[in-house]
Amino acid sequence: MANSKINNILIPNVTKLPSNKNVESTNKLAKGETSEFKSLLDSNLEQQAPIAESPKGLNLSTHAMRRLQERNLSIDKEEYTKILSAIDKLKLKGGQDSLVITSKAAYIIDVPKNMIVTAIDKDSIGDNVFTKIDSTILMN
């Protein structure tokens, strides 16, 4: 009997619900009524740019900036154009983390962010192992 009292105190019987309470089971949004949340969500969705559009320009991680300096690499206008063109092609194919090889260097690119993660000079490409990439493009 003592066990029963302890269980009722510590673990209440939740299977019994009051029978005098009515629970509304209809969904206001299903009836066509709008809510403040829905209108806010709709306005935010209208303001967002489509996913296919991406920020133009090229971003450099701090690691990439350091590697460019250490390896005496510079990104001139031609190299910049090649990398942006490669990013556009990679986006069309669904690339995320990609290896872009140009006549000057190799770059690991975070495609969705238009960001160079690291850079390797052309002479050192053969000495490196490239991991965690999902695509590669040659831009000569």
Protein backbone atom coordinates (compact mmCIF):
# COMPACT_ATOMS: atom_id res chain seq x y z
CA MET A 1 0.00 0.00 0.00
CA ALA A 2 2.82 2.41 0.79
CA ASN A 3 4.20 1.77 -2.67
CA SER A 4 0.92 2.87 -4.20
CA LYS A 5 0.95 6.20 -2.32
CA ILE A 6 4.53 6.90 -3.35
CA ASN A 7 3.77 6.19 -6.99
CA ASN A 8 0.70 8.43 -6.95
CA ILE A 9 2.69 11.25 -5.41
CA LEU A 10 5.81 10.95 -7.56
CA ILE A 11 4.21 9.71 -10.75
CA PRO A 12 0.75 11.18 -11.14
CA ASN A 13 -1.85 9.40 -13.21
CA VAL A 14 -1.95 11.44 -16.41
CA THR A 15 -4.30 9.15 -18.27
CA LYS A 16 -7.33 10.86 -16.72
CA LEU A 17 -8.31 14.13 -18.37
CA PRO A 18 -11.05 16.41 -17.14
CA SER A 19 -14.17 15.65 -19.15
CA ASN A 20 -15.71 19.11 -18.81
CA LYS A 21 -13.11 20.96 -20.95
CA ASN A 22 -13.61 21.43 -24.67
CA VAL A 23 -10.53 21.41 -26.86
CA GLU A 24 -10.70 23.32 -30.13
CA SER A 25 -9.34 21.06 -32.83
CA THR A 26 -9.61 23.36 -35.83
CA ASN A 27 -6.66 25.09 -37.40
CA LYS A 28 -7.22 28.80 -38.01
CA LEU A 29 -4.80 28.87 -40.94
CA ALA A 30 -6.59 25.93 -42.56
CA LYS A 31 -9.80 27.96 -42.50
CA GLY A 32 -8.10 30.71 -44.49
CA GLU A 33 -7.55 33.10 -41.61
CA THR A 34 -4.17 34.81 -41.68
CA SER A 35 -1.90 35.26 -38.74
CA GLU A 36 0.71 37.85 -37.94
CA PHE A 37 3.38 35.14 -38.25
CA LYS A 38 2.24 34.08 -41.71
CA SER A 39 2.19 37.65 -43.04
CA LEU A 40 5.64 38.30 -41.55
CA LEU A 41 6.98 35.10 -43.11
CA ASP A 42 5.51 35.98 -46.51
CA SER A 43 7.02 39.47 -46.46
CA ASN A 44 10.45 38.08 -45.52
CA LEU A 45 10.31 35.52 -48.32
CA GLU A 46 9.48 38.24 -50.85
CA GLN A 47 12.48 40.31 -49.74
CA GLN A 48 14.98 37.46 -50.01
CA ALA A 49 16.97 37.03 -53.19
CA PRO A 50 16.51 33.77 -55.09
CA ILE A 51 18.92 31.00 -54.12
CA ALA A 52 20.38 30.84 -57.64
CA GLU A 53 21.72 34.38 -57.30
CA SER A 54 24.97 34.67 -55.41
CA PRO A 55 27.04 37.52 -54.15
CA LYS A 56 29.35 38.74 -56.86
CA GLY A 57 32.94 39.28 -56.00
CA LEU A 58 35.56 37.11 -54.44
CA ASN A 59 36.22 36.68 -50.75
CA LEU A 60 39.48 35.57 -49.17
CA SER A 61 39.80 33.69 -45.90
CA THR A 62 42.58 34.82 -43.58
CA HIS A 63 44.29 31.49 -44.27
CA ALA A 64 44.18 32.16 -48.02
CA MET A 65 45.58 35.68 -47.58
CA ARG A 66 48.46 34.25 -45.57
CA ARG A 67 49.13 31.55 -48.18
CA LEU A 68 49.09 34.08 -51.03
CA GLN A 69 51.68 36.18 -49.20
CA GLU A 70 53.87 33.21 -48.21
CA ARG A 71 53.89 31.85 -51.73
CA ASN A 72 54.28 35.20 -53.50
CA LEU A 73 51.00 34.73 -55.37
CA SER A 74 48.93 37.62 -56.60
CA ILE A 75 45.48 37.60 -58.10
CA ASP A 76 45.50 39.92 -61.09
CA LYS A 77 42.46 40.86 -63.15
CA GLU A 78 42.82 37.84 -65.45
CA GLU A 79 43.16 35.39 -62.54
CA TYR A 80 40.23 37.03 -60.74
CA THR A 81 38.04 36.64 -63.83
CA LYS A 82 39.05 32.97 -64.23
CA ILE A 83 38.20 32.18 -60.61
CA LEU A 84 34.80 33.92 -60.79
CA SER A 85 34.03 32.11 -64.04
CA ALA A 86 34.99 28.79 -62.43
CA ILE A 87 32.75 29.53 -59.43
CA ASP A 88 29.79 30.24 -61.74
CA LYS A 89 30.33 26.92 -63.55
CA LEU A 90 30.73 25.05 -60.27
CA LYS A 91 27.50 26.52 -58.90
CA LEU A 92 25.62 25.26 -61.95
CA LYS A 93 26.96 21.76 -61.29
CA GLY A 94 26.30 21.90 -57.54
CA GLY A 95 29.91 22.23 -56.39
CA GLN A 96 30.41 23.14 -52.73
CA ASP A 97 34.10 22.76 -51.85
CA SER A 98 36.05 22.76 -55.09
CA LEU A 99 39.57 22.70 -56.44
CA VAL A 100 40.13 25.36 -59.12
CA ILE A 101 43.36 25.02 -61.08
CA THR A 102 44.56 27.92 -63.22
CA SER A 103 47.79 28.47 -65.11
CA LYS A 104 49.21 30.29 -62.05
CA ALA A 105 47.95 28.36 -59.03
CA ALA A 106 45.42 26.02 -57.47
CA TYR A 107 42.71 27.27 -55.15
CA ILE A 108 40.35 25.53 -52.77
CA ILE A 109 37.08 27.42 -53.06
CA ASP A 110 34.00 27.48 -50.83
CA VAL A 111 31.65 27.88 -53.78
CA PRO A 112 28.45 29.08 -52.02
CA LYS A 113 30.41 31.83 -50.24
CA ASN A 114 32.59 32.78 -53.27
CA MET A 115 35.53 32.35 -50.90
CA ILE A 116 39.08 31.23 -51.56
CA VAL A 117 39.94 29.00 -48.60
CA THR A 118 43.57 28.38 -49.54
CA ALA A 119 45.96 28.79 -52.47
CA ILE A 120 48.86 26.70 -53.72
CA ASP A 121 51.43 27.88 -56.24
CA LYS A 122 51.69 25.99 -59.53
CA ASP A 123 55.10 24.47 -58.70
CA SER A 124 53.80 22.91 -55.45
CA ILE A 125 50.58 21.42 -56.78
CA GLY A 126 52.14 18.01 -57.37
CA ASP A 127 53.40 17.82 -53.78
CA ASN A 128 49.96 18.32 -52.22
CA VAL A 129 47.06 16.06 -51.40
CA PHE A 130 43.67 17.73 -51.80
CA THR A 131 41.01 16.40 -49.44
CA LYS A 132 37.38 17.21 -48.69
CA ILE A 133 36.63 18.56 -52.15
CA ASP A 134 33.63 17.53 -54.21
CA SER A 135 34.69 18.89 -57.59
CA THR A 136 37.63 20.10 -59.65
CA ILE A 137 37.83 22.47 -62.59
CA LEU A 138 40.77 23.38 -64.83
CA MET A 139 40.80 26.99 -65.99
CA ASN A 140 43.72 27.63 -68.37
